């Protein structure tokens, strides 16, 4: 679910109604507790998306 949501955003799509970048960050942080490399990769991607969103507003 996280992979799909991040991919969708990177491709120019939108989040589902029940998702925010903060919730995706929470999922990524949870993954990072078990698999640090994977979780931090997602956190980096989500951070880039947040910066893009802030600069486009």
PDB file of N, CA and C in Angstrom:
ATOM      1  N   UNK A   1       0.818  -1.176   0.000  1.00  0.00           N
ATOM      2  CA  UNK A   1       0.000   0.000   0.000  1.00  0.00           C
ATOM      3  C   UNK A   1       0.873   1.254   0.000  1.00  0.00           C
ATOM      4  N   UNK A   2       1.898   1.270   0.832  1.00  0.00           N
ATOM      5  CA  UNK A   2       2.797   2.425   0.883  1.00  0.00           C
ATOM      6  C   UNK A   2       3.528   2.582  -0.442  1.00  0.00           C
ATOM      7  N   UNK A   3       4.054   1.500  -0.967  1.00  0.00           N
ATOM      8  CA  UNK A   3       4.774   1.554  -2.235  1.00  0.00           C
ATOM      9  C   UNK A   3       3.887   2.111  -3.334  1.00  0.00           C
ATOM     10  N   UNK A   4       2.664   1.633  -3.402  1.00  0.00           N
ATOM     11  CA  UNK A   4       1.727   2.081  -4.431  1.00  0.00           C
ATOM     12  C   UNK A   4       1.384   3.560  -4.267  1.00  0.00           C
ATOM     13  N   UNK A   5       1.162   4.003  -3.043  1.00  0.00           N
ATOM     14  CA  UNK A   5       0.796   5.402  -2.801  1.00  0.00           C
ATOM     15  C   UNK A   5       1.945   6.334  -3.185  1.00  0.00           C
ATOM     16  N   UNK A   6       3.160   5.977  -2.798  1.00  0.00           N
ATOM     17  CA  UNK A   6       4.316   6.817  -3.112  1.00  0.00           C
ATOM     18  C   UNK A   6       4.539   6.837  -4.625  1.00  0.00           C
ATOM     19  N   UNK A   7       4.456   5.691  -5.250  1.00  0.00           N
ATOM     20  CA  UNK A   7       4.617   5.619  -6.703  1.00  0.00           C
ATOM     21  C   UNK A   7       3.562   6.475  -7.408  1.00  0.00           C
ATOM     22  N   UNK A   8       2.335   6.379  -6.964  1.00  0.00           N
ATOM     23  CA  UNK A   8       1.252   7.149  -7.562  1.00  0.00           C
ATOM     24  C   UNK A   8       1.525   8.648  -7.458  1.00  0.00           C
ATOM     25  N   UNK A   9       1.975   9.108  -6.310  1.00  0.00           N
ATOM     26  CA  UNK A   9       2.291  10.528  -6.131  1.00  0.00           C
ATOM     27  C   UNK A   9       3.455  10.957  -7.014  1.00  0.00           C
ATOM     28  N   UNK A  10       4.470  10.124  -7.096  1.00  0.00           N
ATOM     29  CA  UNK A  10       5.631  10.459  -7.920  1.00  0.00           C
ATOM     30  C   UNK A  10       5.255  10.521  -9.401  1.00  0.00           C
ATOM     31  N   UNK A  11       4.219   9.792  -9.789  1.00  0.00           N
ATOM     32  CA  UNK A  11       3.764   9.785 -11.180  1.00  0.00           C
ATOM     33  C   UNK A  11       2.754  10.897 -11.457  1.00  0.00           C
ATOM     34  N   UNK A  12       2.499  11.752 -10.462  1.00  0.00           N
ATOM     35  CA  UNK A  12       1.590  12.871 -10.657  1.00  0.00           C
ATOM     36  C   UNK A  12       0.169  12.611 -10.208  1.00  0.00           C
ATOM     37  N   UNK A  13      -0.067  11.471  -9.578  1.00  0.00           N
ATOM     38  CA  UNK A  13      -1.401  11.147  -9.090  1.00  0.00           C
ATOM     39  C   UNK A  13      -1.697  11.798  -7.755  1.00  0.00           C
ATOM     40  N   UNK A  14      -2.810  11.417  -7.191  1.00  0.00           N
ATOM     41  CA  UNK A  14      -3.245  11.975  -5.909  1.00  0.00           C
ATOM     42  C   UNK A  14      -3.386  10.862  -4.880  1.00  0.00           C
ATOM     43  N   UNK A  15      -3.403  11.277  -3.627  1.00  0.00           N
ATOM     44  CA  UNK A  15      -3.637  10.344  -2.530  1.00  0.00           C
ATOM     45  C   UNK A  15      -5.110   9.988  -2.448  1.00  0.00           C
ATOM     46  N   UNK A  16      -5.381   8.851  -1.825  1.00  0.00           N
ATOM     47  CA  UNK A  16      -6.771   8.510  -1.547  1.00  0.00           C
ATOM     48  C   UNK A  16      -7.298   9.471  -0.492  1.00  0.00           C
ATOM     49  N   UNK A  17      -8.613   9.513  -0.342  1.00  0.00           N
ATOM     50  CA  UNK A  17      -9.250  10.443   0.602  1.00  0.00           C
ATOM     51  C   UNK A  17      -8.789  10.215   2.043  1.00  0.00           C
ATOM     52  N   UNK A  18      -8.443   8.979   2.393  1.00  0.00           N
ATOM     53  CA  UNK A  18      -8.062   8.670   3.776  1.00  0.00           C
ATOM     54  C   UNK A  18      -6.545   8.697   3.994  1.00  0.00           C
ATOM     55  N   UNK A  19      -5.774   9.249   3.049  1.00  0.00           N
ATOM     56  CA  UNK A  19      -4.325   9.288   3.163  1.00  0.00           C
ATOM     57  C   UNK A  19      -3.818  10.728   3.171  1.00  0.00           C
ATOM     58  N   UNK A  20      -2.727  10.937   3.890  1.00  0.00           N
ATOM     59  CA  UNK A  20      -1.985  12.198   3.843  1.00  0.00           C
ATOM     60  C   UNK A  20      -0.505  11.833   3.785  1.00  0.00           C
ATOM     61  N   UNK A  21       0.320  12.810   3.474  1.00  0.00           N
ATOM     62  CA  UNK A  21       1.762  12.548   3.492  1.00  0.00           C
ATOM     63  C   UNK A  21       2.223  12.207   4.903  1.00  0.00           C
ATOM     64  N   UNK A  22       1.562  12.760   5.908  1.00  0.00           N
ATOM     65  CA  UNK A  22       1.916  12.429   7.296  1.00  0.00           C
ATOM     66  C   UNK A  22       1.615  10.972   7.625  1.00  0.00           C
ATOM     67  N   UNK A  23       0.492  10.451   7.143  1.00  0.00           N
ATOM     68  CA  UNK A  23       0.194   9.041   7.410  1.00  0.00           C
ATOM     69  C   UNK A  23       1.187   8.148   6.678  1.00  0.00           C
ATOM     70  N   UNK A  24       1.554   8.525   5.459  1.00  0.00           N
ATOM     71  CA  UNK A  24       2.552   7.733   4.728  1.00  0.00           C
ATOM     72  C   UNK A  24       3.897   7.772   5.451  1.00  0.00           C
ATOM     73  N   UNK A  25       4.254   8.919   6.011  1.00  0.00           N
ATOM     74  CA  UNK A  25       5.496   9.014   6.787  1.00  0.00           C
ATOM     75  C   UNK A  25       5.447   8.104   8.008  1.00  0.00           C
ATOM     76  N   UNK A  26       4.284   8.025   8.632  1.00  0.00           N
ATOM     77  CA  UNK A  26       4.130   7.127   9.785  1.00  0.00           C
ATOM     78  C   UNK A  26       4.317   5.677   9.404  1.00  0.00           C
ATOM     79  N   UNK A  27       3.741   5.277   8.276  1.00  0.00           N
ATOM     80  CA  UNK A  27       3.932   3.901   7.797  1.00  0.00           C
ATOM     81  C   UNK A  27       5.407   3.636   7.513  1.00  0.00           C
ATOM     82  N   UNK A  28       6.071   4.609   6.869  1.00  0.00           N
ATOM     83  CA  UNK A  28       7.488   4.444   6.537  1.00  0.00           C
ATOM     84  C   UNK A  28       8.338   4.357   7.802  1.00  0.00           C
ATOM     85  N   UNK A  29       8.012   5.148   8.805  1.00  0.00           N
ATOM     86  CA  UNK A  29       8.751   5.099  10.071  1.00  0.00           C
ATOM     87  C   UNK A  29       8.566   3.743  10.744  1.00  0.00           C
ATOM     88  N   UNK A  30       7.375   3.198  10.653  1.00  0.00           N
ATOM     89  CA  UNK A  30       7.119   1.878  11.229  1.00  0.00           C
ATOM     90  C   UNK A  30       7.947   0.824  10.501  1.00  0.00           C
ATOM     91  N   UNK A  31       8.000   0.916   9.180  1.00  0.00           N
ATOM     92  CA  UNK A  31       8.807  -0.020   8.395  1.00  0.00           C
ATOM     93  C   UNK A  31      10.284   0.137   8.769  1.00  0.00           C
ATOM     94  N   UNK A  32      10.730   1.382   8.973  1.00  0.00           N
ATOM     95  CA  UNK A  32      12.127   1.644   9.322  1.00  0.00           C
ATOM     96  C   UNK A  32      12.520   0.996  10.645  1.00  0.00           C
ATOM     97  N   UNK A  33      11.564   0.786  11.538  1.00  0.00           N
ATOM     98  CA  UNK A  33      11.893   0.140  12.810  1.00  0.00           C
ATOM     99  C   UNK A  33      12.254  -1.324  12.622  1.00  0.00           C
ATOM    100  N   UNK A  34      11.745  -1.940  11.570  1.00  0.00           N
ATOM    101  CA  UNK A  34      12.040  -3.345  11.298  1.00  0.00           C
ATOM    102  C   UNK A  34      13.073  -3.513  10.188  1.00  0.00           C
ATOM    103  N   UNK A  35      12.987  -2.654   9.172  1.00  0.00           N
ATOM    104  CA  UNK A  35      13.900  -2.703   8.032  1.00  0.00           C
ATOM    105  C   UNK A  35      14.395  -1.283   7.749  1.00  0.00           C
ATOM    106  N   UNK A  36      15.434  -0.858   8.483  1.00  0.00           N
ATOM    107  CA  UNK A  36      15.880   0.530   8.409  1.00  0.00           C
ATOM    108  C   UNK A  36      16.174   1.035   6.990  1.00  0.00           C
ATOM    109  N   UNK A  37      16.845   0.252   6.189  1.00  0.00           N
ATOM    110  CA  UNK A  37      17.213   0.722   4.851  1.00  0.00           C
ATOM    111  C   UNK A  37      15.971   0.998   4.001  1.00  0.00           C
ATOM    112  N   UNK A  38      15.038   0.093   3.994  1.00  0.00           N
ATOM    113  CA  UNK A  38      13.814   0.261   3.219  1.00  0.00           C
ATOM    114  C   UNK A  38      12.972   1.417   3.757  1.00  0.00           C
ATOM    115  N   UNK A  39      12.797   1.465   5.059  1.00  0.00           N
ATOM    116  CA  UNK A  39      11.995   2.513   5.672  1.00  0.00           C
ATOM    117  C   UNK A  39      12.558   3.900   5.426  1.00  0.00           C
ATOM    118  N   UNK A  40      13.868   4.036   5.542  1.00  0.00           N
ATOM    119  CA  UNK A  40      14.486   5.343   5.319  1.00  0.00           C
ATOM    120  C   UNK A  40      14.436   5.744   3.848  1.00  0.00           C
ATOM    121  N   UNK A  41      14.485   4.774   2.959  1.00  0.00           N
ATOM    122  CA  UNK A  41      14.328   5.083   1.533  1.00  0.00           C
ATOM    123  C   UNK A  41      12.942   5.665   1.274  1.00  0.00           C
ATOM    124  N   UNK A  42      11.916   5.062   1.883  1.00  0.00           N
ATOM    125  CA  UNK A  42      10.563   5.607   1.746  1.00  0.00           C
ATOM    126  C   UNK A  42      10.445   6.986   2.384  1.00  0.00           C
ATOM    127  N   UNK A  43      11.043   7.160   3.550  1.00  0.00           N
ATOM    128  CA  UNK A  43      10.987   8.467   4.210  1.00  0.00           C
ATOM    129  C   UNK A  43      11.646   9.544   3.350  1.00  0.00           C
ATOM    130  N   UNK A  44      12.755   9.216   2.686  1.00  0.00           N
ATOM    131  CA  UNK A  44      13.405  10.177   1.793  1.00  0.00           C
ATOM    132  C   UNK A  44      12.503  10.527   0.621  1.00  0.00           C
ATOM    133  N   UNK A  45      11.867   9.529   0.037  1.00  0.00           N
ATOM    134  CA  UNK A  45      10.967   9.780  -1.101  1.00  0.00           C
ATOM    135  C   UNK A  45       9.780  10.640  -0.682  1.00  0.00           C
ATOM    136  N   UNK A  46       9.223  10.362   0.488  1.00  0.00           N
ATOM    137  CA  UNK A  46       8.077  11.131   0.980  1.00  0.00           C
ATOM    138  C   UNK A  46       8.498  12.566   1.285  1.00  0.00           C
ATOM    139  N   UNK A  47       9.697  12.745   1.841  1.00  0.00           N
ATOM    140  CA  UNK A  47      10.191  14.091   2.114  1.00  0.00           C
ATOM    141  C   UNK A  47      10.335  14.884   0.815  1.00  0.00           C
ATOM    142  N   UNK A  48      10.840  14.263  -0.244  1.00  0.00           N
ATOM    143  CA  UNK A  48      10.946  14.942  -1.542  1.00  0.00           C
ATOM    144  C   UNK A  48       9.564  15.344  -2.057  1.00  0.00           C
ATOM    145  N   UNK A  49       8.578  14.464  -1.859  1.00  0.00           N
ATOM    146  CA  UNK A  49       7.215  14.782  -2.281  1.00  0.00           C
ATOM    147  C   UNK A  49       6.654  15.963  -1.488  1.00  0.00           C
ATOM    148  N   UNK A  50       6.956  16.022  -0.188  1.00  0.00           N
ATOM    149  CA  UNK A  50       6.490  17.138   0.632  1.00  0.00           C
ATOM    150  C   UNK A  50       7.096  18.446   0.160  1.00  0.00           C
ATOM    151  N   UNK A  51       8.379  18.440  -0.172  1.00  0.00           N
ATOM    152  CA  UNK A  51       9.052  19.643  -0.659  1.00  0.00           C
ATOM    153  C   UNK A  51       8.441  20.068  -1.990  1.00  0.00           C
ATOM    154  N   UNK A  52       8.201  19.117  -2.876  1.00  0.00           N
ATOM    155  CA  UNK A  52       7.570  19.436  -4.163  1.00  0.00           C
ATOM    156  C   UNK A  52       6.202  20.056  -3.956  1.00  0.00           C
ATOM    157  N   UNK A  53       5.434  19.485  -3.041  1.00  0.00           N
ATOM    158  CA  UNK A  53       4.090  19.989  -2.775  1.00  0.00           C
ATOM    159  C   UNK A  53       4.144  21.404  -2.212  1.00  0.00           C
ATOM    160  N   UNK A  54       5.087  21.663  -1.321  1.00  0.00           N
ATOM    161  CA  UNK A  54       5.210  22.994  -0.719  1.00  0.00           C
ATOM    162  C   UNK A  54       5.628  24.039  -1.753  1.00  0.00           C
ATOM    163  N   UNK A  55       6.489  23.668  -2.683  1.00  0.00           N
ATOM    164  CA  UNK A  55       6.954  24.644  -3.670  1.00  0.00           C
ATOM    165  C   UNK A  55       5.946  24.877  -4.793  1.00  0.00           C
ATOM    166  N   UNK A  56       5.032  23.947  -4.969  1.00  0.00           N
ATOM    167  CA  UNK A  56       4.036  24.113  -6.034  1.00  0.00           C
ATOM    168  C   UNK A  56       2.794  24.868  -5.565  1.00  0.00           C
ATOM    169  N   UNK A  57       2.693  25.112  -4.260  1.00  0.00           N
ATOM    170  CA  UNK A  57       1.513  25.811  -3.730  1.00  0.00           C
ATOM    171  C   UNK A  57       1.688  27.294  -3.799  1.00  0.00           C
TER     172      UNK A  57
END
